[in-house]
N, C-alpha and C. Protein backbone atom coordinates (compact mmCIF):
# COMPACT_ATOMS: atom_id res chain seq x y z
N MET A 1 23.23 -6.70 12.93
CA MET A 1 21.92 -6.26 14.00
C MET A 1 20.65 -7.71 13.21
N THR A 2 20.21 -7.73 14.63
CA THR A 2 18.58 -8.60 14.18
C THR A 2 18.09 -7.67 14.61
N ILE A 3 16.55 -7.71 13.20
CA ILE A 3 15.55 -7.33 13.58
C ILE A 3 14.79 -8.33 13.00
N ARG A 4 13.73 -8.50 14.29
CA ARG A 4 12.55 -9.04 13.94
C ARG A 4 11.10 -8.78 14.29
N TYR A 5 9.98 -9.73 13.96
CA TYR A 5 8.94 -9.33 13.66
C TYR A 5 8.38 -9.51 15.35
N PRO A 6 7.25 -8.69 15.54
CA PRO A 6 6.92 -9.11 16.93
C PRO A 6 6.50 -10.67 17.76
N SER A 7 6.64 -11.17 16.61
CA SER A 7 6.63 -12.97 16.51
C SER A 7 7.60 -13.45 17.08
N GLY A 8 8.63 -12.92 16.98
CA GLY A 8 10.01 -13.31 16.78
C GLY A 8 10.57 -13.95 15.79
N GLN A 9 9.85 -13.99 14.78
CA GLN A 9 10.57 -14.36 13.28
C GLN A 9 11.71 -13.12 13.08
N GLN A 10 12.41 -13.74 12.24
CA GLN A 10 13.20 -12.84 11.28
C GLN A 10 12.39 -12.71 9.98
N PRO A 11 12.45 -11.35 9.57
CA PRO A 11 11.66 -11.18 8.69
C PRO A 11 12.04 -11.80 7.17
N PRO A 12 11.55 -12.40 5.96
CA PRO A 12 12.49 -13.02 5.07
C PRO A 12 13.04 -12.19 4.15
N ASN A 13 12.22 -11.19 4.00
CA ASN A 13 13.04 -9.47 3.34
C ASN A 13 12.79 -8.52 3.89
N ALA A 14 13.61 -7.92 4.17
CA ALA A 14 13.49 -6.14 4.55
C ALA A 14 13.57 -5.31 3.73
N GLY A 15 13.26 -5.75 2.53
CA GLY A 15 12.84 -4.47 1.80
C GLY A 15 12.03 -3.39 1.82
N ARG A 16 11.02 -3.74 3.08
CA ARG A 16 10.06 -2.58 2.76
C ARG A 16 10.43 -1.54 3.81
N VAL A 17 11.78 -1.41 4.23
CA VAL A 17 12.21 -0.37 4.80
C VAL A 17 13.79 -0.05 4.56
N GLY A 18 13.91 0.81 3.62
CA GLY A 18 15.55 0.93 3.18
C GLY A 18 16.19 -0.09 2.50
N GLN A 19 16.98 0.26 2.39
CA GLN A 19 17.83 -1.49 1.83
C GLN A 19 17.77 -2.49 2.70
N PRO A 20 17.73 -3.69 1.70
CA PRO A 20 17.70 -4.69 2.64
C PRO A 20 18.52 -5.58 3.68
N ILE A 21 18.03 -5.92 4.66
CA ILE A 21 18.63 -6.45 5.73
C ILE A 21 19.34 -8.22 5.54
N VAL A 22 18.40 -8.45 4.71
CA VAL A 22 18.91 -9.38 3.85
C VAL A 22 18.59 -9.60 2.70
N ALA A 23 19.70 -10.84 1.65
CA ALA A 23 19.23 -10.61 0.40
C ALA A 23 17.91 -11.08 0.34
N PRO A 24 17.17 -10.74 -0.81
CA PRO A 24 15.83 -11.11 -1.36
C PRO A 24 16.03 -12.35 -1.88
N HIS A 25 14.82 -13.07 -1.66
CA HIS A 25 14.91 -14.25 -2.62
C HIS A 25 15.05 -14.44 -3.87
N SER A 26 15.59 -15.62 -4.41
CA SER A 26 16.12 -15.72 -5.52
C SER A 26 14.77 -16.43 -6.21
N SER A 27 13.75 -16.94 -5.87
CA SER A 27 12.84 -17.42 -6.82
C SER A 27 12.18 -16.20 -7.07
N SER A 28 11.34 -17.03 -8.09
CA SER A 28 10.58 -15.84 -9.34
C SER A 28 9.38 -15.25 -8.60
N PHE A 29 8.74 -16.15 -7.92
CA PHE A 29 7.36 -15.74 -7.29
C PHE A 29 8.10 -14.42 -5.49
N ALA A 30 9.27 -14.87 -5.13
CA ALA A 30 9.19 -13.79 -4.41
C ALA A 30 9.76 -12.42 -5.19
N LYS A 31 10.28 -12.55 -6.34
CA LYS A 31 10.12 -11.36 -7.01
C LYS A 31 9.00 -10.70 -6.87
N ARG A 32 8.20 -11.65 -7.77
CA ARG A 32 6.84 -11.12 -8.13
C ARG A 32 6.15 -10.83 -7.02
N GLY A 33 6.17 -11.40 -5.40
CA GLY A 33 5.22 -10.70 -4.64
C GLY A 33 5.92 -9.37 -4.03
N MET A 34 7.37 -8.56 -4.57
CA MET A 34 7.83 -7.58 -4.22
C MET A 34 7.56 -6.64 -5.12
N SER A 35 7.43 -6.91 -6.57
CA SER A 35 7.35 -5.79 -7.81
C SER A 35 6.04 -5.26 -7.48
N LEU A 36 5.10 -5.20 -7.26
CA LEU A 36 3.71 -4.27 -6.87
C LEU A 36 4.38 -2.94 -6.14
N GLU A 37 5.09 -2.93 -4.78
CA GLU A 37 5.45 -2.18 -4.35
C GLU A 37 6.45 -1.77 -4.72
N LYS A 38 7.79 -2.56 -5.66
CA LYS A 38 8.77 -2.14 -6.38
C LYS A 38 8.20 -1.12 -7.31
N GLU A 39 7.12 -1.40 -7.96
CA GLU A 39 6.59 -0.47 -9.21
C GLU A 39 6.14 0.91 -8.50
N ILE A 40 5.62 0.85 -7.46
CA ILE A 40 5.19 1.88 -6.76
C ILE A 40 5.81 3.03 -6.79
N ASN A 41 6.88 2.11 -6.30
CA ASN A 41 7.68 3.49 -5.42
C ASN A 41 8.65 3.92 -7.03
N ASP A 42 9.13 3.12 -8.03
CA ASP A 42 9.52 3.33 -8.76
C ASP A 42 8.69 4.77 -9.69
N ALA A 43 7.35 4.65 -9.70
CA ALA A 43 6.50 5.64 -10.37
C ALA A 43 6.87 6.60 -9.64
N ASN A 44 6.58 6.83 -8.44
CA ASN A 44 6.55 8.17 -7.20
C ASN A 44 7.60 8.58 -7.18
N ARG A 45 9.11 7.71 -7.74
CA ARG A 45 10.17 8.55 -7.72
C ARG A 45 10.26 9.74 -9.17
N TYR A 46 9.38 8.92 -10.20
CA TYR A 46 9.20 9.26 -11.58
C TYR A 46 8.40 10.58 -11.10
N TYR A 47 7.11 10.40 -10.41
CA TYR A 47 6.34 11.70 -10.40
C TYR A 47 6.53 12.27 -10.08
N LEU A 48 7.94 12.63 -8.78
CA LEU A 48 8.33 13.27 -7.98
C LEU A 48 9.71 14.10 -8.81
N ALA A 49 10.21 13.27 -9.75
CA ALA A 49 11.30 14.34 -10.82
C ALA A 49 10.85 15.06 -11.68
N THR A 50 9.64 14.74 -12.15
CA THR A 50 8.57 14.92 -13.41
C THR A 50 7.69 16.46 -12.70
N GLU A 51 7.77 16.29 -11.35
CA GLU A 51 6.99 17.37 -10.57
C GLU A 51 5.67 17.22 -10.57
N GLN A 52 5.13 15.99 -10.97
CA GLN A 52 3.81 15.72 -11.39
C GLN A 52 2.90 15.33 -9.92
N ALA A 53 3.69 14.82 -9.04
CA ALA A 53 2.86 14.03 -7.59
C ALA A 53 4.01 14.25 -6.81
N VAL A 54 3.61 14.48 -5.34
CA VAL A 54 4.32 13.90 -4.03
C VAL A 54 4.43 12.93 -3.22
N ILE A 55 4.44 11.64 -3.58
CA ILE A 55 3.87 10.63 -2.66
C ILE A 55 5.27 9.92 -2.33
N TYR A 56 5.11 9.80 -1.29
CA TYR A 56 5.95 8.70 0.05
C TYR A 56 5.31 7.85 0.42
N LYS A 57 6.91 6.61 0.65
CA LYS A 57 5.82 5.34 0.87
C LYS A 57 6.49 5.13 2.54
N LYS A 58 5.41 5.37 3.90
CA LYS A 58 5.37 5.49 4.74
C LYS A 58 6.57 4.43 5.41
N PRO A 59 7.73 5.09 6.12
CA PRO A 59 8.25 3.82 6.60
C PRO A 59 7.67 3.36 7.73
N THR A 60 8.38 1.60 7.76
CA THR A 60 8.07 0.57 8.80
C THR A 60 8.67 0.83 10.10
N PRO A 61 7.66 1.39 10.91
CA PRO A 61 7.86 2.12 12.47
C PRO A 61 8.98 0.60 13.41
N ILE A 62 10.39 0.81 13.63
CA ILE A 62 10.88 -0.12 14.52
C ILE A 62 10.70 0.30 16.23
N GLN A 63 10.85 -1.16 16.43
CA GLN A 63 10.90 -1.14 18.24
C GLN A 63 12.41 -1.72 18.64
N LEU A 64 12.95 -0.38 19.00
CA LEU A 64 14.57 -0.92 19.36
C LEU A 64 14.40 -1.96 20.71
N VAL A 65 15.19 -3.27 20.77
CA VAL A 65 15.38 -3.92 21.91
C VAL A 65 16.85 -3.85 22.40
N LYS A 66 17.57 -3.95 21.90
CA LYS A 66 19.10 -3.94 22.25
C LYS A 66 20.33 -2.82 21.32
N VAL A 67 20.15 -1.98 22.25
CA VAL A 67 21.09 -0.96 21.76
C VAL A 67 22.56 -0.82 22.49
N ASP A 68 23.62 -1.11 22.07
CA ASP A 68 25.44 -0.47 22.64
C ASP A 68 25.82 0.71 22.29
N TYR A 69 26.47 0.86 23.02
CA TYR A 69 27.19 2.08 23.08
C TYR A 69 28.42 1.96 23.52
N PRO A 70 29.12 1.70 22.31
CA PRO A 70 30.72 1.49 21.97
C PRO A 70 31.38 2.70 22.50
N LYS A 71 30.60 4.08 22.20
CA LYS A 71 31.22 5.49 22.30
C LYS A 71 30.02 6.07 22.71
N ARG A 72 30.42 7.08 23.29
CA ARG A 72 29.83 7.97 24.05
C ARG A 72 28.69 8.79 22.76
N SER A 73 29.10 9.38 21.81
CA SER A 73 28.43 9.70 20.98
C SER A 73 28.07 8.81 19.71
N ALA A 74 28.23 7.20 19.57
CA ALA A 74 27.53 6.34 19.00
C ALA A 74 26.94 5.54 19.34
N ALA A 75 25.29 4.88 18.82
CA ALA A 75 24.77 3.96 19.59
C ALA A 75 24.59 3.01 18.35
N VAL A 76 25.06 1.78 18.70
CA VAL A 76 24.49 0.86 17.66
C VAL A 76 23.63 -0.18 18.21
N VAL A 77 22.78 -0.37 17.05
CA VAL A 77 21.50 -1.41 17.38
C VAL A 77 21.92 -2.86 17.24
N LYS A 78 22.14 -3.11 18.04
CA LYS A 78 21.61 -4.50 18.44
C LYS A 78 20.59 -5.82 17.76
N GLU A 79 19.50 -5.35 18.29
CA GLU A 79 18.13 -6.26 17.89
C GLU A 79 17.09 -4.88 18.36
N ALA A 80 16.24 -5.14 16.93
CA ALA A 80 15.00 -4.43 16.98
C ALA A 80 13.84 -5.42 16.43
N TYR A 81 12.52 -5.20 16.39
CA TYR A 81 11.56 -5.76 16.22
C TYR A 81 10.65 -4.32 15.34
N PHE A 82 10.20 -4.91 13.84
CA PHE A 82 9.36 -4.58 13.22
C PHE A 82 7.93 -4.44 14.09
N LYS A 83 7.36 -2.67 13.89
CA LYS A 83 5.84 -3.32 14.48
C LYS A 83 4.99 -2.96 13.15
N ARG A 84 3.76 -3.10 13.81
CA ARG A 84 2.90 -3.13 12.83
C ARG A 84 2.54 -1.90 12.16
N PRO A 85 2.30 -1.03 11.09
CA PRO A 85 2.49 0.27 11.03
C PRO A 85 0.76 0.41 11.48
N SER A 86 0.34 1.69 11.67
CA SER A 86 -0.86 2.28 12.06
C SER A 86 -1.38 2.29 11.73
N THR A 87 -0.81 3.05 10.15
CA THR A 87 -2.23 3.25 9.15
C THR A 87 -1.81 2.36 7.52
N THR A 88 -1.67 3.38 6.34
CA THR A 88 -1.50 2.79 5.66
C THR A 88 -0.31 2.92 4.90
N ASP A 89 -0.03 2.62 4.05
CA ASP A 89 1.88 2.49 3.03
C ASP A 89 1.64 3.62 2.42
N TYR A 90 1.27 4.13 2.10
CA TYR A 90 1.59 5.96 0.59
C TYR A 90 0.78 6.93 1.28
N ASN A 91 1.40 7.89 1.41
CA ASN A 91 0.29 9.04 1.28
C ASN A 91 1.18 10.23 0.71
N GLY A 92 0.47 11.59 0.61
CA GLY A 92 1.32 12.55 -0.44
C GLY A 92 0.17 13.66 -1.15
N VAL A 93 0.95 14.50 -1.89
CA VAL A 93 -0.32 15.34 -2.48
C VAL A 93 -0.22 15.13 -3.94
N TYR A 94 -1.50 15.23 -4.46
CA TYR A 94 -1.29 15.31 -6.05
C TYR A 94 -2.68 15.81 -6.58
N GLN A 95 -1.84 17.14 -7.46
CA GLN A 95 -3.10 18.28 -7.50
C GLN A 95 -4.06 18.66 -6.76
N GLY A 96 -3.19 19.11 -5.41
CA GLY A 96 -4.19 19.90 -4.30
C GLY A 96 -4.61 18.88 -3.61
N TYR A 97 -4.87 17.52 -3.68
CA TYR A 97 -5.61 16.78 -2.89
C TYR A 97 -4.70 15.40 -1.96
N TYR A 98 -5.08 15.16 -1.18
CA TYR A 98 -4.51 14.52 -0.14
C TYR A 98 -4.46 13.43 -0.36
N VAL A 99 -3.44 12.52 -0.99
CA VAL A 99 -3.78 11.02 -1.71
C VAL A 99 -3.19 9.83 -0.19
N ASP A 100 -4.41 8.99 0.07
CA ASP A 100 -3.82 7.94 0.72
C ASP A 100 -4.12 6.35 0.49
N PHE A 101 -2.96 5.87 0.44
CA PHE A 101 -3.79 4.21 -0.35
C PHE A 101 -2.83 3.16 0.39
N ASP A 102 -3.33 1.90 0.28
CA ASP A 102 -2.04 1.01 0.59
C ASP A 102 -2.27 0.04 -0.85
N ALA A 103 -1.58 -0.94 -0.41
CA ALA A 103 -0.53 -1.43 -1.77
C ALA A 103 -1.27 -3.08 -1.64
N LYS A 104 -1.93 -4.05 -1.99
CA LYS A 104 -1.54 -5.28 -1.36
C LYS A 104 -2.10 -6.29 -2.86
N GLU A 105 -1.44 -7.68 -2.59
CA GLU A 105 -1.68 -8.50 -3.68
C GLU A 105 -2.29 -9.58 -3.19
N THR A 106 -2.53 -10.59 -4.66
CA THR A 106 -3.43 -11.84 -4.07
C THR A 106 -2.73 -12.84 -5.30
N ARG A 107 -2.94 -14.04 -5.00
CA ARG A 107 -2.88 -15.30 -6.49
C ARG A 107 -4.00 -15.32 -6.71
N GLY A 108 -5.06 -14.87 -5.69
CA GLY A 108 -6.28 -15.64 -6.37
C GLY A 108 -6.87 -15.12 -7.76
N LYS A 109 -7.95 -15.51 -8.19
CA LYS A 109 -8.29 -15.25 -9.41
C LYS A 109 -9.75 -15.04 -9.61
N LEU A 110 -10.55 -15.27 -8.44
CA LEU A 110 -11.70 -14.70 -8.42
C LEU A 110 -12.10 -13.44 -7.64
N SER A 111 -11.61 -13.61 -6.69
CA SER A 111 -11.64 -12.51 -5.52
C SER A 111 -10.39 -12.14 -4.76
N PHE A 112 -10.17 -10.71 -4.04
CA PHE A 112 -9.61 -10.47 -2.86
C PHE A 112 -9.93 -10.80 -1.48
N PRO A 113 -9.26 -11.31 -0.66
CA PRO A 113 -9.01 -11.39 0.45
C PRO A 113 -9.53 -10.19 1.55
N LEU A 114 -10.33 -10.00 1.88
CA LEU A 114 -10.24 -9.04 2.95
C LEU A 114 -9.58 -9.00 4.05
N LYS A 115 -9.21 -9.90 4.24
CA LYS A 115 -7.76 -10.59 5.86
C LYS A 115 -6.53 -9.83 5.04
N ASN A 116 -6.53 -9.48 3.67
CA ASN A 116 -4.98 -8.88 3.61
C ASN A 116 -5.22 -7.33 4.26
N PHE A 117 -6.28 -6.69 4.55
CA PHE A 117 -6.70 -5.12 5.43
C PHE A 117 -6.81 -5.85 6.65
N HIS A 118 -6.17 -4.79 7.60
CA HIS A 118 -6.74 -4.68 8.89
C HIS A 118 -7.46 -3.83 9.75
N GLN A 119 -8.28 -3.81 10.55
CA GLN A 119 -9.16 -2.74 11.18
C GLN A 119 -8.54 -1.34 11.04
N HIS A 120 -6.78 -1.16 11.81
CA HIS A 120 -6.98 0.33 11.71
C HIS A 120 -6.65 0.64 10.66
N GLN A 121 -6.52 0.04 9.63
CA GLN A 121 -6.43 0.54 8.15
C GLN A 121 -7.70 0.89 7.19
N VAL A 122 -8.90 0.84 7.98
CA VAL A 122 -10.09 0.78 7.31
C VAL A 122 -10.30 1.68 7.93
N ASP A 123 -9.99 1.72 9.48
CA ASP A 123 -10.49 3.10 10.45
C ASP A 123 -9.81 4.36 9.89
N HIS A 124 -8.29 4.39 9.32
CA HIS A 124 -7.61 5.47 8.91
C HIS A 124 -8.22 5.85 7.77
N PHE A 125 -8.47 5.04 6.76
CA PHE A 125 -9.17 5.57 5.22
C PHE A 125 -10.40 6.21 5.73
N ARG A 126 -11.29 5.81 6.65
CA ARG A 126 -12.54 6.58 7.16
C ARG A 126 -12.04 7.76 7.53
N ARG A 127 -11.08 8.12 8.19
CA ARG A 127 -10.91 9.13 8.32
C ARG A 127 -10.58 10.25 8.14
N CYS A 128 -10.01 9.61 6.81
CA CYS A 128 -9.28 10.71 5.80
C CYS A 128 -10.29 10.93 4.61
N LEU A 129 -10.81 9.95 4.63
CA LEU A 129 -12.44 10.31 3.46
C LEU A 129 -13.04 11.55 4.29
N VAL A 130 -13.56 11.45 5.21
CA VAL A 130 -14.11 12.67 6.21
C VAL A 130 -13.32 14.06 5.61
N GLN A 131 -11.93 13.71 5.60
CA GLN A 131 -11.18 15.11 5.45
C GLN A 131 -11.60 15.46 4.25
N GLY A 132 -11.84 15.01 2.91
CA GLY A 132 -11.89 15.01 2.19
C GLY A 132 -10.93 14.48 1.05
N GLY A 133 -10.16 13.83 1.66
CA GLY A 133 -8.82 12.80 1.15
C GLY A 133 -9.41 11.78 0.04
N VAL A 134 -8.09 11.38 -1.01
CA VAL A 134 -8.48 10.59 -2.18
C VAL A 134 -7.98 9.33 -1.55
N CYS A 135 -8.59 8.29 -1.65
CA CYS A 135 -8.23 6.92 -0.50
C CYS A 135 -8.64 5.86 -1.26
N PHE A 136 -7.90 4.95 -1.51
CA PHE A 136 -7.94 3.49 -2.16
C PHE A 136 -6.90 2.90 -1.81
N ALA A 137 -7.67 1.60 -2.70
CA ALA A 137 -6.26 0.00 -2.23
C ALA A 137 -5.85 -0.05 -3.70
N PHE A 138 -4.84 -0.04 -3.77
CA PHE A 138 -3.91 -1.01 -4.94
C PHE A 138 -4.34 -2.52 -4.80
N ILE A 139 -4.83 -2.92 -5.96
CA ILE A 139 -5.04 -4.31 -6.00
C ILE A 139 -4.53 -4.93 -7.09
N ARG A 140 -3.95 -5.92 -6.41
CA ARG A 140 -3.07 -6.78 -7.76
C ARG A 140 -3.44 -8.30 -8.23
N PHE A 141 -3.76 -8.79 -9.10
CA PHE A 141 -4.14 -10.24 -8.85
C PHE A 141 -2.90 -10.42 -9.82
N THR A 142 -2.18 -11.30 -9.15
CA THR A 142 -0.81 -11.23 -9.54
C THR A 142 -0.63 -12.31 -10.88
N THR A 143 -1.40 -13.64 -10.73
CA THR A 143 -1.80 -14.75 -12.02
C THR A 143 -2.22 -14.47 -12.97
N LEU A 144 -3.07 -12.76 -12.62
CA LEU A 144 -4.13 -12.47 -13.92
C LEU A 144 -3.56 -11.38 -14.59
N ASP A 145 -1.96 -10.88 -14.05
CA ASP A 145 -1.51 -9.80 -14.51
C ASP A 145 -2.71 -8.22 -14.51
N LEU A 146 -3.01 -8.42 -13.42
CA LEU A 146 -4.59 -7.48 -13.19
C LEU A 146 -3.86 -6.17 -12.09
N THR A 147 -4.09 -5.15 -12.10
CA THR A 147 -3.96 -4.27 -11.30
C THR A 147 -5.27 -3.08 -10.86
N TYR A 148 -5.77 -2.83 -10.46
CA TYR A 148 -6.88 -1.86 -10.28
C TYR A 148 -6.70 -1.01 -9.12
N LEU A 149 -7.24 0.42 -9.06
CA LEU A 149 -7.63 1.14 -7.73
C LEU A 149 -8.77 0.88 -7.62
N LEU A 150 -9.14 0.48 -6.25
CA LEU A 150 -10.49 0.12 -5.52
C LEU A 150 -10.38 1.68 -4.63
N PRO A 151 -11.72 1.98 -5.06
CA PRO A 151 -11.83 3.36 -3.93
C PRO A 151 -11.86 2.74 -2.23
N ALA A 152 -11.49 3.73 -1.81
CA ALA A 152 -11.27 3.06 -0.54
C ALA A 152 -13.04 3.05 0.53
N SER A 153 -13.77 4.12 -0.21
CA SER A 153 -15.49 3.85 0.50
C SER A 153 -15.80 2.54 -0.16
N ASP A 154 -15.61 1.61 -1.44
CA ASP A 154 -15.96 0.70 -1.75
C ASP A 154 -15.19 -0.45 -0.78
N LEU A 155 -13.96 -0.42 -0.58
CA LEU A 155 -13.40 -1.16 0.50
C LEU A 155 -13.99 -1.28 1.50
N ILE A 156 -14.63 -0.31 2.27
CA ILE A 156 -15.30 -0.05 3.75
C ILE A 156 -16.47 -0.51 3.35
N ALA A 157 -17.20 -0.35 2.47
CA ALA A 157 -18.69 -0.99 2.29
C ALA A 157 -18.54 -2.73 2.41
N PHE A 158 -17.67 -3.47 2.15
CA PHE A 158 -17.28 -4.67 2.12
C PHE A 158 -17.01 -5.02 3.66
N TRP A 159 -16.14 -3.98 4.02
CA TRP A 159 -15.52 -4.76 4.87
C TRP A 159 -16.45 -4.47 6.18
N ASP A 160 -17.55 -3.56 6.13
CA ASP A 160 -19.02 -3.30 6.83
C ASP A 160 -19.41 -4.98 6.75
N GLN A 161 -19.67 -4.97 5.24
CA GLN A 161 -20.64 -6.48 5.10
C GLN A 161 -19.90 -7.47 5.77
N GLN A 162 -18.88 -7.51 5.55
CA GLN A 162 -18.03 -8.68 6.50
C GLN A 162 -18.68 -8.94 8.05
N GLY A 163 -18.15 -7.47 8.48
CA GLY A 163 -18.87 -7.65 9.81
C GLY A 163 -20.05 -7.93 10.22
N ARG A 164 -21.16 -8.12 9.45
CA ARG A 164 -22.02 -8.63 9.41
C ARG A 164 -22.73 -9.53 9.38
N GLY A 165 -21.32 -10.25 8.87
CA GLY A 165 -21.83 -11.83 8.39
C GLY A 165 -22.12 -11.78 6.74
N GLY A 166 -21.45 -10.82 6.03
CA GLY A 166 -21.28 -10.90 4.51
C GLY A 166 -19.55 -11.76 4.45
N ARG A 167 -20.01 -11.83 3.01
CA ARG A 167 -18.71 -12.34 2.00
C ARG A 167 -17.45 -11.66 2.92
N LYS A 168 -16.61 -12.83 2.73
CA LYS A 168 -15.17 -11.87 3.17
C LYS A 168 -13.92 -11.54 2.40
N SER A 169 -14.64 -11.54 0.89
CA SER A 169 -13.70 -11.25 -0.26
C SER A 169 -14.57 -10.06 -0.81
N VAL A 170 -13.47 -9.67 -2.15
CA VAL A 170 -14.29 -8.76 -3.09
C VAL A 170 -14.37 -9.44 -4.07
N PRO A 171 -15.20 -9.73 -4.77
CA PRO A 171 -15.01 -9.99 -6.16
C PRO A 171 -14.39 -9.40 -7.11
N LEU A 172 -13.76 -10.50 -8.28
CA LEU A 172 -13.36 -9.31 -8.99
C LEU A 172 -14.01 -8.64 -9.84
N THR A 173 -14.95 -9.34 -10.56
CA THR A 173 -15.98 -8.56 -11.20
C THR A 173 -16.38 -7.39 -10.56
N THR A 174 -16.73 -7.19 -9.35
CA THR A 174 -16.94 -5.76 -8.59
C THR A 174 -15.96 -4.91 -8.71
N ILE A 175 -14.47 -5.42 -8.44
CA ILE A 175 -13.00 -4.75 -8.83
C ILE A 175 -13.58 -4.10 -10.21
N LYS A 176 -13.75 -5.07 -10.94
CA LYS A 176 -13.75 -4.49 -12.63
C LYS A 176 -14.57 -2.94 -12.72
N ASP A 177 -15.70 -3.44 -12.05
CA ASP A 177 -17.16 -2.40 -12.40
C ASP A 177 -16.66 -1.49 -11.37
N ARG A 178 -16.09 -1.29 -10.36
CA ARG A 178 -16.04 -0.33 -9.43
C ARG A 178 -14.96 0.75 -9.48
N GLY A 179 -13.71 -0.37 -9.81
CA GLY A 179 -12.27 -0.18 -9.75
C GLY A 179 -12.35 0.68 -10.96
N PHE A 180 -10.86 1.19 -11.15
CA PHE A 180 -9.80 1.66 -12.38
C PHE A 180 -8.88 0.65 -12.55
N ARG A 181 -8.48 0.51 -13.81
CA ARG A 181 -7.50 -0.37 -14.32
C ARG A 181 -6.03 0.60 -14.13
N VAL A 182 -4.92 -0.27 -13.65
CA VAL A 182 -3.91 0.55 -13.99
C VAL A 182 -3.00 0.10 -14.94
N LYS A 183 -2.77 0.36 -15.95
CA LYS A 183 -2.18 -0.09 -17.16
C LYS A 183 -0.53 -0.22 -17.07
N THR A 184 0.53 -0.90 -17.56
CA THR A 184 1.65 -0.93 -17.68
C THR A 184 2.17 -0.07 -18.95
N GLY A 185 3.27 0.83 -18.59
CA GLY A 185 3.63 1.48 -19.83
C GLY A 185 5.22 1.34 -19.68
N LEU A 186 5.80 2.42 -19.98
CA LEU A 186 7.39 2.27 -19.97
C LEU A 186 8.18 2.93 -19.31
N ASN A 187 7.94 4.31 -19.06
CA ASN A 187 8.05 4.98 -17.77
C ASN A 187 7.54 6.03 -17.03
N PRO A 188 7.12 5.66 -16.07
CA PRO A 188 6.87 4.31 -15.05
C PRO A 188 5.95 3.07 -15.71
N VAL A 189 6.97 1.97 -15.42
CA VAL A 189 6.02 0.88 -15.37
C VAL A 189 4.55 0.92 -15.24
N LEU A 190 4.35 1.28 -14.34
CA LEU A 190 3.59 1.19 -13.44
C LEU A 190 2.58 3.01 -13.24
N ASP A 191 2.05 3.46 -14.58
CA ASP A 191 1.52 5.06 -14.20
C ASP A 191 0.16 4.89 -13.84
N TYR A 192 0.01 4.92 -12.75
CA TYR A 192 -0.79 4.74 -11.93
C TYR A 192 -2.12 6.78 -12.09
N LEU A 193 -1.22 7.47 -12.81
CA LEU A 193 -1.77 8.92 -11.77
C LEU A 193 -3.13 8.58 -13.50
N PRO A 194 -3.46 8.47 -14.53
CA PRO A 194 -4.43 8.22 -15.14
C PRO A 194 -5.58 7.54 -14.77
N ALA A 195 -5.66 6.37 -13.67
CA ALA A 195 -6.67 5.83 -12.76
C ALA A 195 -6.82 6.64 -11.78
N LEU A 196 -6.26 7.35 -11.64
CA LEU A 196 -5.88 8.24 -9.94
C LEU A 196 -7.19 9.43 -11.01
N ASP A 197 -6.72 9.96 -11.56
CA ASP A 197 -7.44 11.27 -12.35
C ASP A 197 -8.98 10.57 -12.31
N GLN A 198 -9.26 9.52 -13.43
CA GLN A 198 -10.14 8.81 -13.18
C GLN A 198 -11.18 8.72 -11.98
N LEU A 199 -10.45 8.22 -10.72
CA LEU A 199 -10.96 7.96 -9.28
C LEU A 199 -11.63 9.39 -9.03
N ILE A 200 -10.70 10.54 -9.18
CA ILE A 200 -11.26 11.64 -8.58
C ILE A 200 -12.20 12.65 -9.70
N ALA A 201 -12.04 12.54 -10.65
CA ALA A 201 -13.26 12.61 -12.04
C ALA A 201 -14.45 11.94 -11.14
N ALA A 202 -14.42 10.50 -10.65
CA ALA A 202 -15.78 10.13 -10.76
C ALA A 202 -15.99 10.52 -8.92
N ASN A 203 -15.51 11.15 -8.08
CA ASN A 203 -15.39 11.55 -6.93
C ASN A 203 -16.38 12.56 -6.69
N GLN A 204 -15.93 13.87 -7.96
CA GLN A 204 -16.11 14.97 -8.07
C GLN A 204 -17.85 14.47 -9.18
N ALA A 205 -17.82 13.79 -9.57
CA ALA A 205 -19.11 13.49 -10.64
C ALA A 205 -20.15 13.12 -9.17
N LYS A 206 -20.13 12.81 -8.02
CA LYS A 206 -20.55 12.41 -7.22
C LYS A 206 -20.66 13.12 -5.96
N GLY A 207 -20.22 14.59 -6.31
CA GLY A 207 -20.27 15.62 -5.09
C GLY A 207 -19.84 15.47 -3.84
N ALA A 208 -18.43 14.42 -4.46
CA ALA A 208 -17.07 14.40 -3.32
C ALA A 208 -16.03 15.07 -3.42
N ASP A 209 -15.82 16.26 -4.36
CA ASP A 209 -15.15 17.04 -4.28
C ASP A 209 -14.66 17.96 -3.30
N HIS A 210 -13.06 18.15 -3.06
CA HIS A 210 -12.36 18.01 -1.67
C HIS A 210 -12.62 19.82 -1.47
N GLU A 211 -13.25 20.36 -2.19
CA GLU A 211 -13.92 21.79 -2.09
C GLU A 211 -14.76 22.14 -1.32
């Protein structure tokens, strides 16, 4: 089965949806590029197994192009395209809160480029925040080995400033100041619930409690 992106290109690695369609790249950078998503997925499985949180990765939508029917009771997909997700990558429930977030990586050392996000994702964050959701962006600086939870409200503020001619990136210094550091552990490797607890506490201190 051939699966392509809307541009017509085949995906370099389809690990974002179920099992990989092609073998993953062997280069160290390719492994590193997938590490944040893998670590989040592993953490979510651990949280689910230990009944700490129920958070899932949303499947990437696929548009079918060619389907064969060798049998009346069976269909074989011959060609399909990955469609751009309409919202963010992850959502779920933690301690009674609706949680919604996306994960991004950058090789930059000084700032995070806003071009890594899309308008529809920012709009989704806005709608979830209005309903009292806990929303944030996982941001990893791969070359610095730093990972932060940046509140969606701060991401939205920079996004709006960009539209008014402001800078097109979020400085690392700002992320350190307004975000919450996610530290590595043993099991799971990326234990982000302590950082999420800090974000929830900060929201409550601002009067943004979901109750």
